[in-house]
Amino acid sequence: MIPGAVVGMVPALAGLRADVTAAPGTETAGVPGGGVVVGWALVADEGVVGGARVVPVFLAGGRAWTPDQFRQEHGQHLGVVVGQAH
Protein backbone atom coordinates (compact mmCIF):
# COMPACT_ATOMS: atom_id res chain seq x y z
CA MET A 1 0.00 0.00 0.00
CA ILE A 2 1.09 3.55 -0.66
CA PRO A 3 1.41 5.45 2.66
CA GLY A 4 -1.41 7.98 3.00
CA ALA A 5 -3.55 6.39 0.29
CA VAL A 6 -7.26 6.02 0.98
CA VAL A 7 -7.91 2.29 0.65
CA GLY A 8 -11.58 2.22 1.66
CA MET A 9 -14.46 4.41 2.76
CA VAL A 10 -17.88 4.08 4.38
CA PRO A 11 -20.58 6.74 4.82
CA ALA A 12 -20.99 8.44 8.20
CA LEU A 13 -24.16 8.51 10.24
CA ALA A 14 -25.87 11.89 10.50
CA GLY A 15 -25.11 14.20 13.40
CA LEU A 16 -21.32 14.47 13.41
CA ARG A 17 -19.20 17.53 12.67
CA ALA A 18 -15.45 18.08 12.28
CA ASP A 19 -14.03 21.29 13.75
CA VAL A 20 -10.63 22.67 12.79
CA THR A 21 -8.45 23.66 15.76
CA ALA A 22 -5.26 25.66 16.17
CA ALA A 23 -3.13 26.81 19.10
CA PRO A 24 -3.99 30.25 20.51
CA GLY A 25 -2.35 33.01 18.48
CA THR A 26 -2.03 30.87 15.37
CA GLU A 27 -2.78 32.65 12.08
CA THR A 28 -5.87 31.03 10.55
CA ALA A 29 -6.98 33.67 8.03
CA GLY A 30 -8.05 31.93 4.84
CA VAL A 31 -8.37 28.52 6.49
CA PRO A 32 -11.89 27.12 6.03
CA GLY A 33 -13.68 26.06 9.20
CA GLY A 34 -14.80 22.50 9.68
CA GLY A 35 -18.04 20.98 8.53
CA VAL A 36 -20.25 17.93 8.43
CA VAL A 37 -18.60 14.49 8.61
CA VAL A 38 -19.75 12.62 5.49
CA GLY A 39 -17.73 9.42 5.84
CA TRP A 40 -14.90 7.46 7.39
CA ALA A 41 -11.83 6.51 5.35
CA LEU A 42 -9.28 3.75 5.84
CA VAL A 43 -5.86 5.33 5.22
CA ALA A 44 -2.69 3.30 4.67
CA ASP A 45 -0.16 3.97 7.45
CA GLU A 46 2.79 1.63 7.97
CA GLY A 47 3.48 3.33 11.32
CA VAL A 48 0.42 1.88 13.05
CA VAL A 49 -0.54 -1.66 14.03
CA GLY A 50 -2.43 -3.28 11.16
CA GLY A 51 -0.98 -0.89 8.58
CA ALA A 52 -3.98 1.45 8.34
CA ARG A 53 -6.02 3.93 10.39
CA VAL A 54 -9.60 5.17 10.25
CA VAL A 55 -10.07 8.94 9.80
CA PRO A 56 -13.09 11.19 9.27
CA VAL A 57 -13.97 12.65 5.87
CA PHE A 58 -15.51 16.10 6.30
CA LEU A 59 -16.75 19.00 4.19
CA ALA A 60 -14.96 22.36 4.36
CA GLY A 61 -14.36 25.09 1.84
CA GLY A 62 -16.50 23.44 -0.82
CA ARG A 63 -14.86 20.00 -0.87
CA ALA A 64 -14.36 16.80 1.11
CA TRP A 65 -11.14 16.31 3.11
CA THR A 66 -9.39 13.83 5.33
CA PRO A 67 -7.44 15.48 8.17
CA ASP A 68 -4.16 14.61 6.41
CA GLN A 69 -5.28 16.28 3.16
CA PHE A 70 -6.54 19.34 5.06
CA ARG A 71 -3.24 19.74 6.94
CA GLN A 72 -1.21 19.28 3.77
CA GLU A 73 -3.15 22.10 2.09
CA HIS A 74 -3.59 24.50 5.02
CA GLY A 75 -0.81 23.72 7.53
CA GLN A 76 0.48 20.89 9.71
CA HIS A 77 -0.21 22.98 12.83
CA LEU A 78 -3.98 22.50 12.44
CA GLY A 79 -6.00 19.86 14.27
CA VAL A 80 -9.33 18.25 13.47
CA VAL A 81 -11.76 17.22 16.22
CA VAL A 82 -14.97 15.27 15.60
CA GLY A 83 -18.03 15.88 17.78
CA GLN A 84 -21.79 16.12 17.69
CA ALA A 85 -23.30 18.64 15.30
CA HIS A 86 -25.54 21.19 16.96
PDB file of N, CA and C in Angstrom:
ATOM      1  N   MET A   1       0.838  -1.195   0.000  1.00  0.00           N
ATOM      2  CA  MET A   1       0.000   0.000   0.000  1.00  0.00           C
ATOM      3  C   MET A   1       0.876   1.249   0.000  1.00  0.00           C
ATOM      4  N   ILE A   2       0.393   2.269  -0.635  1.00  0.00           N
ATOM      5  CA  ILE A   2       1.085   3.555  -0.658  1.00  0.00           C
ATOM      6  C   ILE A   2       0.736   4.311   0.609  1.00  0.00           C
ATOM      7  N   PRO A   3       1.718   4.718   1.432  1.00  0.00           N
ATOM      8  CA  PRO A   3       1.413   5.451   2.662  1.00  0.00           C
ATOM      9  C   PRO A   3       0.551   6.682   2.377  1.00  0.00           C
ATOM     10  N   GLY A   4      -0.502   6.845   3.150  1.00  0.00           N
ATOM     11  CA  GLY A   4      -1.407   7.983   3.001  1.00  0.00           C
ATOM     12  C   GLY A   4      -2.528   7.763   2.013  1.00  0.00           C
ATOM     13  N   ALA A   5      -2.493   6.661   1.275  1.00  0.00           N
ATOM     14  CA  ALA A   5      -3.545   6.389   0.294  1.00  0.00           C
ATOM     15  C   ALA A   5      -4.835   5.974   0.991  1.00  0.00           C
ATOM     16  N   VAL A   6      -5.954   6.449   0.485  1.00  0.00           N
ATOM     17  CA  VAL A   6      -7.260   6.020   0.984  1.00  0.00           C
ATOM     18  C   VAL A   6      -7.554   4.673   0.340  1.00  0.00           C
ATOM     19  N   VAL A   7      -7.715   3.639   1.177  1.00  0.00           N
ATOM     20  CA  VAL A   7      -7.912   2.289   0.652  1.00  0.00           C
ATOM     21  C   VAL A   7      -9.331   1.788   0.842  1.00  0.00           C
ATOM     22  N   GLY A   8     -10.181   2.585   1.474  1.00  0.00           N
ATOM     23  CA  GLY A   8     -11.578   2.223   1.659  1.00  0.00           C
ATOM     24  C   GLY A   8     -12.327   3.360   2.310  1.00  0.00           C
ATOM     25  N   MET A   9     -13.656   3.346   2.162  1.00  0.00           N
ATOM     26  CA  MET A   9     -14.463   4.409   2.762  1.00  0.00           C
ATOM     27  C   MET A   9     -15.875   3.909   2.989  1.00  0.00           C
ATOM     28  N   VAL A  10     -16.481   4.366   4.085  1.00  0.00           N
ATOM     29  CA  VAL A  10     -17.883   4.083   4.383  1.00  0.00           C
ATOM     30  C   VAL A  10     -18.568   5.398   4.734  1.00  0.00           C
ATOM     31  N   PRO A  11     -19.872   5.505   4.479  1.00  0.00           N
ATOM     32  CA  PRO A  11     -20.580   6.741   4.822  1.00  0.00           C
ATOM     33  C   PRO A  11     -20.715   6.902   6.335  1.00  0.00           C
ATOM     34  N   ALA A  12     -20.812   8.141   6.773  1.00  0.00           N
ATOM     35  CA  ALA A  12     -20.987   8.439   8.197  1.00  0.00           C
ATOM     36  C   ALA A  12     -22.468   8.545   8.523  1.00  0.00           C
ATOM     37  N   LEU A  13     -22.806   8.279   9.754  1.00  0.00           N
ATOM     38  CA  LEU A  13     -24.158   8.513  10.237  1.00  0.00           C
ATOM     39  C   LEU A  13     -24.356  10.010  10.431  1.00  0.00           C
ATOM     40  N   ALA A  14     -25.572  10.464  10.330  1.00  0.00           N
ATOM     41  CA  ALA A  14     -25.867  11.892  10.498  1.00  0.00           C
ATOM     42  C   ALA A  14     -25.566  12.337  11.927  1.00  0.00           C
ATOM     43  N   GLY A  15     -25.256  13.627  12.077  1.00  0.00           N
ATOM     44  CA  GLY A  15     -25.114  14.202  13.404  1.00  0.00           C
ATOM     45  C   GLY A  15     -23.697  14.448  13.872  1.00  0.00           C
ATOM     46  N   LEU A  16     -22.697  14.218  13.006  1.00  0.00           N
ATOM     47  CA  LEU A  16     -21.316  14.473  13.405  1.00  0.00           C
ATOM     48  C   LEU A  16     -20.748  15.649  12.619  1.00  0.00           C
ATOM     49  N   ARG A  17     -19.838  16.363  13.262  1.00  0.00           N
ATOM     50  CA  ARG A  17     -19.202  17.529  12.669  1.00  0.00           C
ATOM     51  C   ARG A  17     -17.708  17.496  12.998  1.00  0.00           C
ATOM     52  N   ALA A  18     -16.888  17.942  12.053  1.00  0.00           N
ATOM     53  CA  ALA A  18     -15.446  18.083  12.285  1.00  0.00           C
ATOM     54  C   ALA A  18     -15.151  19.569  12.453  1.00  0.00           C
ATOM     55  N   ASP A  19     -14.451  19.921  13.515  1.00  0.00           N
ATOM     56  CA  ASP A  19     -14.026  21.294  13.749  1.00  0.00           C
ATOM     57  C   ASP A  19     -12.515  21.381  13.617  1.00  0.00           C
ATOM     58  N   VAL A  20     -12.064  22.433  12.968  1.00  0.00           N
ATOM     59  CA  VAL A  20     -10.627  22.671  12.786  1.00  0.00           C
ATOM     60  C   VAL A  20     -10.129  23.452  13.993  1.00  0.00           C
ATOM     61  N   THR A  21      -9.007  23.011  14.571  1.00  0.00           N
ATOM     62  CA  THR A  21      -8.449  23.658  15.756  1.00  0.00           C
ATOM     63  C   THR A  21      -7.032  24.148  15.473  1.00  0.00           C
ATOM     64  N   ALA A  22      -6.625  25.129  16.265  1.00  0.00           N
ATOM     65  CA  ALA A  22      -5.261  25.660  16.172  1.00  0.00           C
ATOM     66  C   ALA A  22      -4.888  26.218  17.538  1.00  0.00           C
ATOM     67  N   ALA A  23      -3.612  26.256  17.826  1.00  0.00           N
ATOM     68  CA  ALA A  23      -3.130  26.809  19.096  1.00  0.00           C
ATOM     69  C   ALA A  23      -3.473  28.299  19.163  1.00  0.00           C
ATOM     70  N   PRO A  24      -3.704  28.822  20.376  1.00  0.00           N
ATOM     71  CA  PRO A  24      -3.987  30.254  20.514  1.00  0.00           C
ATOM     72  C   PRO A  24      -2.883  31.092  19.861  1.00  0.00           C
ATOM     73  N   GLY A  25      -3.298  32.124  19.149  1.00  0.00           N
ATOM     74  CA  GLY A  25      -2.355  33.012  18.485  1.00  0.00           C
ATOM     75  C   GLY A  25      -1.925  32.559  17.106  1.00  0.00           C
ATOM     76  N   THR A  26      -2.389  31.397  16.682  1.00  0.00           N
ATOM     77  CA  THR A  26      -2.033  30.871  15.366  1.00  0.00           C
ATOM     78  C   THR A  26      -2.802  31.622  14.284  1.00  0.00           C
ATOM     79  N   GLU A  27      -2.128  31.970  13.210  1.00  0.00           N
ATOM     80  CA  GLU A  27      -2.778  32.646  12.085  1.00  0.00           C
ATOM     81  C   GLU A  27      -3.651  31.651  11.328  1.00  0.00           C
ATOM     82  N   THR A  28      -4.944  31.926  11.245  1.00  0.00           N
ATOM     83  CA  THR A  28      -5.868  31.029  10.551  1.00  0.00           C
ATOM     84  C   THR A  28      -6.674  31.735   9.462  1.00  0.00           C
ATOM     85  N   ALA A  29      -6.279  32.953   9.099  1.00  0.00           N
ATOM     86  CA  ALA A  29      -6.977  33.666   8.031  1.00  0.00           C
ATOM     87  C   ALA A  29      -6.894  32.848   6.744  1.00  0.00           C
ATOM     88  N   GLY A  30      -8.012  32.685   6.083  1.00  0.00           N
ATOM     89  CA  GLY A  30      -8.052  31.933   4.836  1.00  0.00           C
ATOM     90  C   GLY A  30      -8.197  30.439   5.007  1.00  0.00           C
ATOM     91  N   VAL A  31      -8.192  29.953   6.242  1.00  0.00           N
ATOM     92  CA  VAL A  31      -8.370  28.523   6.489  1.00  0.00           C
ATOM     93  C   VAL A  31      -9.864  28.259   6.678  1.00  0.00           C
ATOM     94  N   PRO A  32     -10.463  27.386   5.852  1.00  0.00           N
ATOM     95  CA  PRO A  32     -11.886  27.118   6.034  1.00  0.00           C
ATOM     96  C   PRO A  32     -12.145  26.424   7.362  1.00  0.00           C
ATOM     97  N   GLY A  33     -13.280  26.746   7.971  1.00  0.00           N
ATOM     98  CA  GLY A  33     -13.677  26.061   9.195  1.00  0.00           C
ATOM     99  C   GLY A  33     -14.100  24.642   8.875  1.00  0.00           C
ATOM    100  N   GLY A  34     -14.379  23.886   9.883  1.00  0.00           N
ATOM    101  CA  GLY A  34     -14.797  22.497   9.680  1.00  0.00           C
ATOM    102  C   GLY A  34     -16.198  22.412   9.129  1.00  0.00           C
ATOM    103  N   GLY A  35     -16.699  21.193   9.055  1.00  0.00           N
ATOM    104  CA  GLY A  35     -18.036  20.979   8.531  1.00  0.00           C
ATOM    105  C   GLY A  35     -18.535  19.587   8.860  1.00  0.00           C
ATOM    106  N   VAL A  36     -19.582  19.201   8.199  1.00  0.00           N
ATOM    107  CA  VAL A  36     -20.254  17.933   8.429  1.00  0.00           C
ATOM    108  C   VAL A  36     -19.335  16.765   8.065  1.00  0.00           C
ATOM    109  N   VAL A  37     -19.323  15.731   8.918  1.00  0.00           N
ATOM    110  CA  VAL A  37     -18.600  14.495   8.610  1.00  0.00           C
ATOM    111  C   VAL A  37     -19.487  13.674   7.675  1.00  0.00           C
ATOM    112  N   VAL A  38     -18.960  13.347   6.494  1.00  0.00           N
ATOM    113  CA  VAL A  38     -19.747  12.616   5.494  1.00  0.00           C
ATOM    114  C   VAL A  38     -19.315  11.161   5.347  1.00  0.00           C
ATOM    115  N   GLY A  39     -18.193  10.796   5.946  1.00  0.00           N
ATOM    116  CA  GLY A  39     -17.733   9.419   5.836  1.00  0.00           C
ATOM    117  C   GLY A  39     -16.536   9.150   6.718  1.00  0.00           C
ATOM    118  N   TRP A  40     -16.101   7.898   6.669  1.00  0.00           N
ATOM    119  CA  TRP A  40     -14.897   7.455   7.388  1.00  0.00           C
ATOM    120  C   TRP A  40     -14.029   6.732   6.373  1.00  0.00           C
ATOM    121  N   ALA A  41     -12.753   7.098   6.326  1.00  0.00           N
ATOM    122  CA  ALA A  41     -11.828   6.514   5.352  1.00  0.00           C
ATOM    123  C   ALA A  41     -10.790   5.653   6.064  1.00  0.00           C
ATOM    124  N   LEU A  42     -10.389   4.583   5.394  1.00  0.00           N
ATOM    125  CA  LEU A  42      -9.282   3.748   5.843  1.00  0.00           C
ATOM    126  C   LEU A  42      -8.055   4.218   5.078  1.00  0.00           C
ATOM    127  N   VAL A  43      -7.056   4.733   5.819  1.00  0.00           N
ATOM    128  CA  VAL A  43      -5.860   5.327   5.217  1.00  0.00           C
ATOM    129  C   VAL A  43      -4.650   4.451   5.529  1.00  0.00           C
ATOM    130  N   ALA A  44      -3.894   4.118   4.502  1.00  0.00           N
ATOM    131  CA  ALA A  44      -2.688   3.303   4.671  1.00  0.00           C
ATOM    132  C   ALA A  44      -1.675   4.054   5.534  1.00  0.00           C
ATOM    133  N   ASP A  45      -1.142   3.372   6.550  1.00  0.00           N
ATOM    134  CA  ASP A  45      -0.156   3.973   7.454  1.00  0.00           C
ATOM    135  C   ASP A  45       0.691   2.866   8.045  1.00  0.00           C
ATOM    136  N   GLU A  46       1.898   2.696   7.511  1.00  0.00           N
ATOM    137  CA  GLU A  46       2.789   1.634   7.971  1.00  0.00           C
ATOM    138  C   GLU A  46       3.249   1.835   9.407  1.00  0.00           C
ATOM    139  N   GLY A  47       3.043   3.026   9.962  1.00  0.00           N
ATOM    140  CA  GLY A  47       3.485   3.325  11.316  1.00  0.00           C
ATOM    141  C   GLY A  47       2.521   2.889  12.412  1.00  0.00           C
ATOM    142  N   VAL A  48       1.383   2.318  12.041  1.00  0.00           N
ATOM    143  CA  VAL A  48       0.417   1.880  13.046  1.00  0.00           C
ATOM    144  C   VAL A  48       0.190   0.374  12.928  1.00  0.00           C
ATOM    145  N   VAL A  49      -0.246  -0.226  14.024  1.00  0.00           N
ATOM    146  CA  VAL A  49      -0.539  -1.656  14.031  1.00  0.00           C
ATOM    147  C   VAL A  49      -1.645  -1.935  13.010  1.00  0.00           C
ATOM    148  N   GLY A  50      -1.458  -2.929  12.185  1.00  0.00           N
ATOM    149  CA  GLY A  50      -2.428  -3.278  11.163  1.00  0.00           C
ATOM    150  C   GLY A  50      -2.190  -2.585   9.832  1.00  0.00           C
ATOM    151  N   GLY A  51      -1.348  -1.545   9.817  1.00  0.00           N
ATOM    152  CA  GLY A  51      -0.981  -0.889   8.580  1.00  0.00           C
ATOM    153  C   GLY A  51      -1.960   0.129   8.027  1.00  0.00           C
ATOM    154  N   ALA A  52      -3.017   0.452   8.806  1.00  0.00           N
ATOM    155  CA  ALA A  52      -3.981   1.452   8.341  1.00  0.00           C
ATOM    156  C   ALA A  52      -4.689   2.057   9.541  1.00  0.00           C
ATOM    157  N   ARG A  53      -5.253   3.263   9.340  1.00  0.00           N
ATOM    158  CA  ARG A  53      -6.023   3.932  10.395  1.00  0.00           C
ATOM    159  C   ARG A  53      -7.311   4.487   9.809  1.00  0.00           C
ATOM    160  N   VAL A  54      -8.303   4.643  10.658  1.00  0.00           N
ATOM    161  CA  VAL A  54      -9.600   5.174  10.250  1.00  0.00           C
ATOM    162  C   VAL A  54      -9.645   6.661  10.591  1.00  0.00           C
ATOM    163  N   VAL A  55     -10.016   7.490   9.608  1.00  0.00           N
ATOM    164  CA  VAL A  55     -10.068   8.943   9.797  1.00  0.00           C
ATOM    165  C   VAL A  55     -11.395   9.475   9.257  1.00  0.00           C
ATOM    166  N   PRO A  56     -11.855  10.618   9.789  1.00  0.00           N
ATOM    167  CA  PRO A  56     -13.092  11.191   9.266  1.00  0.00           C
ATOM    168  C   PRO A  56     -12.872  11.843   7.902  1.00  0.00           C
ATOM    169  N   VAL A  57     -13.939  11.883   7.117  1.00  0.00           N
ATOM    170  CA  VAL A  57     -13.970  12.647   5.872  1.00  0.00           C
ATOM    171  C   VAL A  57     -15.016  13.732   6.101  1.00  0.00           C
ATOM    172  N   PHE A  58     -14.606  14.994   5.966  1.00  0.00           N
ATOM    173  CA  PHE A  58     -15.508  16.097   6.296  1.00  0.00           C
ATOM    174  C   PHE A  58     -15.524  17.138   5.185  1.00  0.00           C
ATOM    175  N   LEU A  59     -16.594  17.933   5.178  1.00  0.00           N
ATOM    176  CA  LEU A  59     -16.746  18.996   4.194  1.00  0.00           C
ATOM    177  C   LEU A  59     -16.242  20.305   4.765  1.00  0.00           C
ATOM    178  N   ALA A  60     -15.451  21.025   3.983  1.00  0.00           N
ATOM    179  CA  ALA A  60     -14.956  22.356   4.364  1.00  0.00           C
ATOM    180  C   ALA A  60     -14.480  23.061   3.106  1.00  0.00           C
ATOM    181  N   GLY A  61     -14.824  24.319   2.982  1.00  0.00           N
ATOM    182  CA  GLY A  61     -14.355  25.091   1.842  1.00  0.00           C
ATOM    183  C   GLY A  61     -14.795  24.542   0.499  1.00  0.00           C
ATOM    184  N   GLY A  62     -15.965  23.912   0.448  1.00  0.00           N
ATOM    185  CA  GLY A  62     -16.503  23.439  -0.819  1.00  0.00           C
ATOM    186  C   GLY A  62     -16.011  22.096  -1.305  1.00  0.00           C
ATOM    187  N   ARG A  63     -15.304  21.339  -0.454  1.00  0.00           N
ATOM    188  CA  ARG A  63     -14.856  20.000  -0.869  1.00  0.00           C
ATOM    189  C   ARG A  63     -14.743  19.070   0.331  1.00  0.00           C
ATOM    190  N   ALA A  64     -14.536  17.800   0.058  1.00  0.00           N
ATOM    191  CA  ALA A  64     -14.358  16.796   1.106  1.00  0.00           C
ATOM    192  C   ALA A  64     -12.868  16.622   1.384  1.00  0.00           C
ATOM    193  N   TRP A  65     -12.536  16.442   2.672  1.00  0.00           N
ATOM    194  CA  TRP A  65     -11.139  16.309   3.112  1.00  0.00           C
ATOM    195  C   TRP A  65     -10.995  15.186   4.127  1.00  0.00           C
ATOM    196  N   THR A  66      -9.817  14.570   4.154  1.00  0.00           N
ATOM    197  CA  THR A  66      -9.388  13.825   5.332  1.00  0.00           C
ATOM    198  C   THR A  66      -8.533  14.812   6.127  1.00  0.00           C
ATOM    199  N   PRO A  67      -8.310  14.571   7.417  1.00  0.00           N
ATOM    200  CA  PRO A  67      -7.437  15.477   8.172  1.00  0.00           C
ATOM    201  C   PRO A  67      -6.047  15.627   7.549  1.00  0.00           C
ATOM    202  N   ASP A  68      -5.487  14.541   7.030  1.00  0.00           N
ATOM    203  CA  ASP A  68      -4.159  14.612   6.406  1.00  0.00           C
ATOM    204  C   ASP A  68      -4.166  15.539   5.192  1.00  0.00           C
ATOM    205  N   GLN A  69      -5.178  15.428   4.340  1.00  0.00           N
ATOM    206  CA  GLN A  69      -5.284  16.281   3.162  1.00  0.00           C
ATOM    207  C   GLN A  69      -5.450  17.748   3.573  1.00  0.00           C
ATOM    208  N   PHE A  70      -6.281  17.976   4.589  1.00  0.00           N
ATOM    209  CA  PHE A  70      -6.540  19.340   5.057  1.00  0.00           C
ATOM    210  C   PHE A  70      -5.252  19.978   5.585  1.00  0.00           C
ATOM    211  N   ARG A  71      -4.501  19.225   6.395  1.00  0.00           N
ATOM    212  CA  ARG A  71      -3.237  19.742   6.940  1.00  0.00           C
ATOM    213  C   ARG A  71      -2.202  19.984   5.849  1.00  0.00           C
ATOM    214  N   GLN A  72      -2.159  19.104   4.860  1.00  0.00           N
ATOM    215  CA  GLN A  72      -1.212  19.284   3.766  1.00  0.00           C
ATOM    216  C   GLN A  72      -1.494  20.586   3.014  1.00  0.00           C
ATOM    217  N   GLU A  73      -2.754  20.901   2.832  1.00  0.00           N
ATOM    218  CA  GLU A  73      -3.145  22.100   2.085  1.00  0.00           C
ATOM    219  C   GLU A  73      -3.067  23.377   2.922  1.00  0.00           C
ATOM    220  N   HIS A  74      -3.421  23.286   4.217  1.00  0.00           N
ATOM    221  CA  HIS A  74      -3.586  24.502   5.024  1.00  0.00           C
ATOM    222  C   HIS A  74      -2.610  24.636   6.195  1.00  0.00           C
ATOM    223  N   GLY A  75      -1.814  23.618   6.489  1.00  0.00           N
ATOM    224  CA  GLY A  75      -0.806  23.719   7.534  1.00  0.00           C
ATOM    225  C   GLY A  75      -0.836  22.566   8.515  1.00  0.00           C
ATOM    226  N   GLN A  76       0.351  22.036   8.800  1.00  0.00           N
ATOM    227  CA  GLN A  76       0.478  20.891   9.713  1.00  0.00           C
ATOM    228  C   GLN A  76       0.131  21.246  11.153  1.00  0.00           C
ATOM    229  N   HIS A  77       0.075  22.532  11.470  1.00  0.00           N
ATOM    230  CA  HIS A  77      -0.212  22.977  12.832  1.00  0.00           C
ATOM    231  C   HIS A  77      -1.705  22.875  13.180  1.00  0.00           C
ATOM    232  N   LEU A  78      -2.543  22.562  12.212  1.00  0.00           N
ATOM    233  CA  LEU A  78      -3.985  22.498  12.443  1.00  0.00           C
ATOM    234  C   LEU A  78      -4.407  21.126  12.936  1.00  0.00           C
ATOM    235  N   GLY A  79      -5.428  21.106  13.774  1.00  0.00           N
ATOM    236  CA  GLY A  79      -6.001  19.861  14.266  1.00  0.00           C
ATOM    237  C   GLY A  79      -7.423  19.724  13.768  1.00  0.00           C
ATOM    238  N   VAL A  80      -7.947  18.520  13.835  1.00  0.00           N
ATOM    239  CA  VAL A  80      -9.334  18.251  13.466  1.00  0.00           C
ATOM    240  C   VAL A  80      -9.947  17.410  14.587  1.00  0.00           C
ATOM    241  N   VAL A  81     -11.067  17.912  15.130  1.00  0.00           N
ATOM    242  CA  VAL A  81     -11.758  17.224  16.224  1.00  0.00           C
ATOM    243  C   VAL A  81     -13.178  16.918  15.785  1.00  0.00           C
ATOM    244  N   VAL A  82     -13.615  15.681  15.977  1.00  0.00           N
ATOM    245  CA  VAL A  82     -14.970  15.272  15.603  1.00  0.00           C
ATOM    246  C   VAL A  82     -15.852  15.280  16.855  1.00  0.00           C
ATOM    247  N   GLY A  83     -17.055  15.845  16.694  1.00  0.00           N
ATOM    248  CA  GLY A  83     -18.028  15.875  17.782  1.00  0.00           C
ATOM    249  C   GLY A  83     -19.435  15.918  17.221  1.00  0.00           C
ATOM    250  N   GLN A  84     -20.395  16.044  18.104  1.00  0.00           N
ATOM    251  CA  GLN A  84     -21.792  16.118  17.687  1.00  0.00           C
ATOM    252  C   GLN A  84     -22.081  17.452  17.023  1.00  0.00           C
ATOM    253  N   ALA A  85     -22.853  17.420  15.957  1.00  0.00           N
ATOM    254  CA  ALA A  85     -23.302  18.645  15.301  1.00  0.00           C
ATOM    255  C   ALA A  85     -24.427  19.241  16.138  1.00  0.00           C
ATOM    256  N   HIS A  86     -24.502  20.537  16.173  1.00  0.00           N
ATOM    257  CA  HIS A  86     -25.544  21.193  16.962  1.00  0.00           C
ATOM    258  C   HIS A  86     -26.564  21.831  16.075  1.00  0.00           C
TER     259      HIS A  86
END
